[in-house]
Amino acid sequence: MAKRFAAEGADVVISDVAHDVETIPYGMGSEKDLHETAALVRALGRRCVAEVADVRNEEDMARVVRNAIAELGHIDIVVANAGVYAAKSFWDISQAEWDEMIAINLTGAWQTTKAVAPHMMERLTGVVIYSASINAVEGATNFLHYAAAKHGVLGIMRSAALELAPFNIRVNAVLPGPVDSPMHNNQVSRGIIGGRPDASREDVLSAVLGWNALRGRTMLPPDAIANAVVWLASDQAEHITGLELKVDAGHGLLPGMNMSPINDESIMSVKSDFDHGIR
C-alpha cells in the first residue's frame, strides 16, 4: 500500500508496533521492515515518515499524527490496516488472547481514526479506509475473536461515515480474502489453512482455490488490496462513502458447503475433546 500510494504521487506515513505480540503465533513486522518500507517509498521520490507506534495506544497514535503534520503539512488519507489473527476453538481462547485480538484489530481502528479525525474535520476534507476482512460479513470456524473484531470494524466504518460526512470526509472499508503475505506465509498459518501441521505452501495455494469463485484464483497478491485502497482514496471514488468493498475473488458469491459434516460419532469426539479441555 505504501509503495502504491507513493507511485501515485503521495507522501506517506507508516507506523508499526515493530515487535512480536505474545498471544499471536507467528512473527510480527520488525523495525527493520518498517525502515525498508520507508526506503522503498523514498526510492520512488516521495517523502516518508516512519514511526514505531502501537495502534492500541492513544498517545502513540496522537504522536504519529503530530509528527506527520509537522513533517508533511497535512494528512489527506488514513488507512487503518494494522491487524493480526490466530486460530483456536472459542471455548479455548484465553482472556489475554481475546483482549489482544480485540485491542489490535478493533480498538486500533478506532484509535487511528480518533487521532486523525479532528485534523481532517478542521480542513473539511479527508478519506478514511479500513482493512476489514471477508470474515467481517461471515462467521469463521476457530476464528471467533477475529471475526468478532472484524465485524466490529464495519460498525466503526458505518458510524464514522455518518459522523464525518458533514465534514466532507469519506469513510469506507476493504474486505480482503486470503492474501499472499507474511501473515499467511508461515508454518503456523500453513497448518491452519492446509489442514495439517506440516502443510506446505503448495498445499495452502491448492486449498484456497476452493474458497474462490473466479477461475484459478488462490491467495490474492498484496497489490490486489493495495489497488482497491488507492482507488477508494482517489477522486474516482469521490462520491463513495460507507462502502464495504469485497476483494475476494468471488468468495462471497459461493453458496457454501459443510466440509466436515457432523454425525453422532463425531459429536461425541468433539464432546470428548471439550471435556478433556475443561479438565
Protein backbone atom coordinates (compact mmCIF):
# COMPACT_ATOMS: atom_id res chain seq x y z
CA MET A 1 0.00 0.00 0.00
CA ALA A 2 2.81 2.41 0.89
CA LYS A 3 4.50 1.75 -2.47
CA ARG A 4 1.24 2.12 -4.42
CA PHE A 5 0.40 5.45 -2.79
CA ALA A 6 3.94 6.68 -3.42
CA ALA A 7 3.72 5.62 -7.05
CA GLU A 8 0.58 7.76 -7.35
CA GLY A 9 2.46 10.79 -6.02
CA ALA A 10 1.63 10.65 -2.32
CA ASP A 11 3.99 11.32 0.56
CA VAL A 12 3.48 8.51 3.06
CA VAL A 13 3.33 7.98 6.82
CA ILE A 14 3.78 4.42 8.10
CA SER A 15 3.72 3.04 11.62
CA ASP A 16 4.07 -0.38 13.18
CA VAL A 17 4.45 -1.84 16.66
CA ALA A 18 7.65 -3.48 15.32
CA HIS A 19 7.84 -6.35 17.79
CA ASP A 20 6.17 -9.71 18.32
CA VAL A 21 2.86 -9.98 20.18
CA GLU A 22 2.71 -12.61 22.90
CA THR A 23 -0.61 -14.24 22.00
CA ILE A 24 -0.08 -14.27 18.21
CA PRO A 25 1.55 -17.49 16.96
CA TYR A 26 3.65 -16.00 14.14
CA GLY A 27 6.26 -13.26 13.87
CA MET A 28 5.23 -9.62 13.53
CA GLY A 29 6.86 -6.99 11.36
CA SER A 30 10.13 -5.58 12.68
CA GLU A 31 11.68 -2.13 12.88
CA LYS A 32 13.92 -3.27 10.02
CA ASP A 33 10.80 -3.99 7.91
CA LEU A 34 9.45 -0.55 8.76
CA HIS A 35 12.59 1.21 7.57
CA GLU A 36 12.89 -0.98 4.48
CA THR A 37 9.35 0.08 3.51
CA ALA A 38 10.26 3.71 4.09
CA ALA A 39 13.29 3.26 1.82
CA LEU A 40 11.06 1.82 -0.94
CA VAL A 41 8.81 4.88 -0.71
CA ARG A 42 11.76 7.28 -0.84
CA ALA A 43 13.20 5.41 -3.82
CA LEU A 44 10.05 6.46 -5.68
CA GLY A 45 10.87 10.10 -4.94
CA ARG A 46 8.36 10.64 -2.14
CA ARG A 47 8.82 11.63 1.48
CA CYS A 48 8.12 9.05 4.18
CA VAL A 49 7.59 9.41 7.92
CA ALA A 50 8.19 6.07 9.68
CA GLU A 51 7.19 5.69 13.33
CA VAL A 52 7.28 2.80 15.79
CA ALA A 53 3.84 3.01 17.39
CA ASP A 54 1.15 0.78 18.87
CA VAL A 55 -2.37 1.25 17.45
CA ARG A 56 -3.77 0.22 20.83
CA ASN A 57 -2.20 3.26 22.47
CA GLU A 58 -3.94 6.64 22.17
CA GLU A 59 -0.77 8.61 22.90
CA ASP A 60 1.21 6.69 20.28
CA MET A 61 -1.33 7.39 17.56
CA ALA A 62 -1.59 11.06 18.53
CA ARG A 63 2.21 11.29 18.27
CA VAL A 64 2.20 9.72 14.78
CA VAL A 65 -0.37 12.27 13.62
CA ARG A 66 1.51 15.22 15.18
CA ASN A 67 4.80 14.17 13.61
CA ALA A 68 3.18 13.55 10.22
CA ILE A 69 1.61 17.01 10.18
CA ALA A 70 4.88 18.62 11.31
CA GLU A 71 6.83 16.86 8.55
CA LEU A 72 4.32 16.83 5.68
CA GLY A 73 1.94 19.70 6.49
CA HIS A 74 -1.34 17.81 6.47
CA ILE A 75 -2.96 14.37 6.21
CA ASP A 76 -5.42 13.64 3.40
CA ILE A 77 -5.84 9.86 3.72
CA VAL A 78 -5.61 7.38 6.57
CA VAL A 79 -5.61 3.59 6.09
CA ALA A 80 -6.27 1.62 9.28
CA ASN A 81 -4.52 -1.56 8.23
CA ALA A 82 -2.97 -2.99 11.40
CA GLY A 83 -4.27 -6.48 12.14
CA VAL A 84 -3.43 -9.93 13.48
CA TYR A 85 -5.13 -13.30 13.57
CA ALA A 86 -4.97 -16.62 15.37
CA ALA A 87 -6.98 -19.84 15.31
CA LYS A 88 -8.50 -21.70 18.24
CA SER A 89 -11.90 -23.05 19.28
CA PHE A 90 -13.71 -20.22 21.02
CA TRP A 91 -14.02 -22.15 24.28
CA ASP A 92 -10.21 -22.44 24.39
CA ILE A 93 -9.48 -18.75 23.76
CA SER A 94 -7.91 -17.22 26.86
CA GLN A 95 -8.84 -13.81 28.20
CA ALA A 96 -5.42 -12.50 27.13
CA GLU A 97 -5.87 -13.84 23.58
CA TRP A 98 -9.33 -12.28 23.32
CA ASP A 99 -8.17 -8.94 24.72
CA GLU A 100 -5.18 -8.68 22.39
CA MET A 101 -7.17 -9.60 19.27
CA ILE A 102 -9.89 -7.05 20.02
CA ALA A 103 -7.39 -4.39 21.06
CA ILE A 104 -5.31 -4.58 17.87
CA ASN A 105 -7.96 -5.28 15.25
CA LEU A 106 -10.87 -3.26 16.64
CA THR A 107 -9.64 -0.74 19.20
CA GLY A 108 -6.70 0.02 16.90
CA ALA A 109 -9.05 1.02 14.09
CA TRP A 110 -10.90 3.36 16.46
CA GLN A 111 -7.71 4.87 17.91
CA THR A 112 -6.33 5.51 14.41
CA THR A 113 -9.50 7.29 13.31
CA LYS A 114 -9.80 9.21 16.57
CA ALA A 115 -6.24 10.51 16.23
CA VAL A 116 -6.62 11.87 12.70
CA ALA A 117 -10.30 12.91 12.55
CA PRO A 118 -10.00 16.37 14.21
CA HIS A 119 -7.31 17.40 11.71
CA MET A 120 -9.46 16.30 8.77
CA MET A 121 -12.59 17.88 10.24
CA GLU A 122 -10.82 21.20 10.58
CA ARG A 123 -9.80 21.05 6.92
CA LEU A 124 -13.24 19.78 5.75
CA THR A 125 -11.66 17.04 3.67
CA GLY A 126 -10.24 13.57 4.07
CA VAL A 127 -10.56 9.86 3.38
CA VAL A 128 -10.54 7.03 5.93
CA ILE A 129 -10.20 3.43 4.77
CA TYR A 130 -10.33 0.34 7.00
CA SER A 131 -8.90 -3.09 6.29
CA ALA A 132 -11.72 -5.40 7.34
CA SER A 133 -11.98 -8.98 6.03
CA ILE A 134 -14.40 -11.37 4.38
CA ASN A 135 -14.81 -12.53 7.99
CA ALA A 136 -16.40 -9.16 8.71
CA VAL A 137 -19.55 -10.43 7.00
CA GLU A 138 -19.48 -14.17 7.73
CA GLY A 139 -18.76 -16.47 10.60
CA ALA A 140 -15.44 -18.26 10.92
CA THR A 141 -14.73 -21.65 12.47
CA ASN A 142 -11.93 -21.30 15.04
CA PHE A 143 -11.64 -17.55 14.42
CA LEU A 144 -14.44 -16.25 16.65
CA HIS A 145 -12.39 -13.46 18.23
CA TYR A 146 -11.00 -12.42 14.83
CA ALA A 147 -14.45 -12.46 13.19
CA ALA A 148 -15.94 -10.51 16.11
CA ALA A 149 -13.27 -7.82 15.79
CA LYS A 150 -13.68 -7.55 12.01
CA HIS A 151 -17.48 -7.36 12.30
CA GLY A 152 -16.84 -4.52 14.73
CA VAL A 153 -14.61 -2.73 12.22
CA LEU A 154 -17.61 -2.45 9.89
CA GLY A 155 -19.61 -0.96 12.76
CA ILE A 156 -16.88 1.63 13.23
CA MET A 157 -16.80 2.32 9.50
CA ARG A 158 -20.55 2.82 9.14
CA SER A 159 -20.80 5.01 12.23
CA ALA A 160 -17.74 7.10 11.39
CA ALA A 161 -19.04 7.54 7.83
CA LEU A 162 -22.22 9.08 9.24
CA GLU A 163 -20.47 11.31 11.77
CA LEU A 164 -17.80 12.54 9.36
CA ALA A 165 -19.99 13.05 6.27
CA PRO A 166 -20.94 16.64 7.30
CA PHE A 167 -17.21 17.42 7.24
CA ASN A 168 -16.81 16.08 3.68
CA ILE A 169 -14.79 13.10 4.92
CA ARG A 170 -15.37 9.80 3.15
CA VAL A 171 -15.12 6.54 5.11
CA ASN A 172 -15.01 3.07 3.51
CA ALA A 173 -13.73 -0.46 4.15
CA VAL A 174 -11.97 -3.07 2.04
CA LEU A 175 -12.85 -6.72 2.76
CA PRO A 176 -9.99 -8.91 1.51
CA GLY A 177 -9.99 -12.63 1.04
CA PRO A 178 -6.80 -14.54 1.96
CA VAL A 179 -3.74 -12.51 0.92
CA ASP A 180 -0.34 -13.92 -0.03
CA SER A 181 1.51 -12.06 2.71
CA PRO A 182 3.75 -12.92 5.69
CA MET A 183 0.59 -13.30 7.80
CA HIS A 184 -0.12 -16.47 5.82
CA ASN A 185 3.40 -17.39 4.73
CA ASN A 186 4.49 -19.02 7.97
CA GLN A 187 4.19 -22.59 9.15
CA VAL A 188 1.53 -21.90 11.77
CA SER A 189 -0.76 -20.32 9.17
CA ARG A 190 0.03 -23.02 6.62
CA GLY A 191 -1.06 -25.62 9.15
CA ILE A 192 -4.34 -23.80 9.77
CA ILE A 193 -5.22 -23.35 6.09
CA GLY A 194 -3.70 -26.58 4.80
CA GLY A 195 -5.35 -28.71 7.48
CA ARG A 196 -2.24 -30.33 8.96
CA PRO A 197 0.81 -29.05 10.87
CA ASP A 198 3.31 -29.87 8.10
CA ALA A 199 1.24 -28.34 5.26
CA SER A 200 3.35 -26.77 2.53
CA ARG A 201 2.87 -23.53 0.65
CA GLU A 202 1.61 -25.59 -2.30
CA ASP A 203 -0.98 -27.25 -0.01
CA VAL A 204 -2.22 -23.81 1.04
CA LEU A 205 -2.45 -22.48 -2.51
CA SER A 206 -4.41 -25.60 -3.51
CA ALA A 207 -6.77 -25.34 -0.52
CA VAL A 208 -7.59 -21.69 -1.17
CA LEU A 209 -8.59 -22.48 -4.78
CA GLY A 210 -11.74 -23.96 -3.27
CA TRP A 211 -12.57 -20.73 -1.43
CA ASN A 212 -12.85 -18.56 -4.54
CA ALA A 213 -15.36 -18.38 -7.37
CA LEU A 214 -13.12 -16.89 -10.06
CA ARG A 215 -11.25 -19.47 -12.09
CA GLY A 216 -7.71 -20.24 -10.96
CA ARG A 217 -7.65 -17.72 -8.11
CA THR A 218 -5.91 -18.71 -4.93
CA MET A 219 -4.37 -16.39 -2.29
CA LEU A 220 -4.58 -12.84 -3.56
CA PRO A 221 -1.46 -10.80 -4.33
CA PRO A 222 -0.99 -7.85 -1.93
CA ASP A 223 -1.29 -5.49 -4.92
CA ALA A 224 -4.94 -6.54 -5.31
CA ILE A 225 -5.76 -5.00 -1.95
CA ALA A 226 -3.45 -2.01 -2.44
CA ASN A 227 -5.12 -1.22 -5.78
CA ALA A 228 -8.58 -1.24 -4.16
CA VAL A 229 -7.43 1.01 -1.32
CA VAL A 230 -5.78 3.50 -3.67
CA TRP A 231 -8.91 3.59 -5.83
CA LEU A 232 -11.13 4.31 -2.80
CA ALA A 233 -8.78 7.13 -1.83
CA SER A 234 -8.79 8.62 -5.34
CA ASP A 235 -11.01 11.25 -6.94
CA GLN A 236 -12.58 8.44 -8.97
CA ALA A 237 -14.37 7.42 -5.75
CA GLU A 238 -15.13 10.99 -4.60
CA HIS A 239 -18.85 10.29 -4.12
CA ILE A 240 -18.43 6.94 -2.35
CA THR A 241 -18.73 6.60 1.41
CA GLY A 242 -19.94 3.81 3.69
CA LEU A 243 -18.90 1.12 1.16
CA GLU A 244 -17.88 -2.43 2.04
CA LEU A 245 -15.68 -3.31 -0.94
CA LYS A 246 -15.04 -7.05 -1.19
CA VAL A 247 -11.78 -8.04 -2.84
CA ASP A 248 -12.25 -11.78 -2.52
CA ALA A 249 -12.15 -13.39 -6.00
CA GLY A 250 -15.89 -14.00 -5.71
CA HIS A 251 -15.75 -15.88 -2.39
CA GLY A 252 -18.90 -14.14 -1.18
CA LEU A 253 -20.84 -15.49 -4.16
CA LEU A 254 -20.32 -19.11 -3.22
CA PRO A 255 -23.29 -20.95 -1.69
CA GLY A 256 -21.14 -22.54 0.99
CA MET A 257 -20.61 -26.17 1.92
CA ASN A 258 -20.17 -28.11 5.13
CA MET A 259 -16.71 -29.63 4.63
CA SER A 260 -16.94 -31.56 7.92
CA PRO A 261 -20.47 -32.96 8.25
CA ILE A 262 -21.27 -33.97 11.82
CA ASN A 263 -22.76 -37.31 12.87
CA ASP A 264 -23.31 -38.76 16.31
CA GLU A 265 -19.83 -40.28 16.43
CA SER A 266 -18.09 -37.00 15.58
CA ILE A 267 -20.27 -35.12 18.08
CA MET A 268 -19.05 -37.48 20.80
CA SER A 269 -15.46 -36.89 19.66
CA VAL A 270 -15.89 -33.11 19.92
CA LYS A 271 -17.56 -33.52 23.34
CA SER A 272 -14.65 -35.68 24.49
CA ASP A 273 -12.13 -33.06 23.37
CA PHE A 274 -14.16 -30.36 25.10
CA ASP A 275 -14.42 -32.31 28.36
CA HIS A 276 -10.70 -33.03 28.26
CA GLY A 277 -10.01 -29.28 27.71
CA ILE A 278 -12.05 -28.25 30.76
CA ARG A 279 -10.43 -30.86 32.95
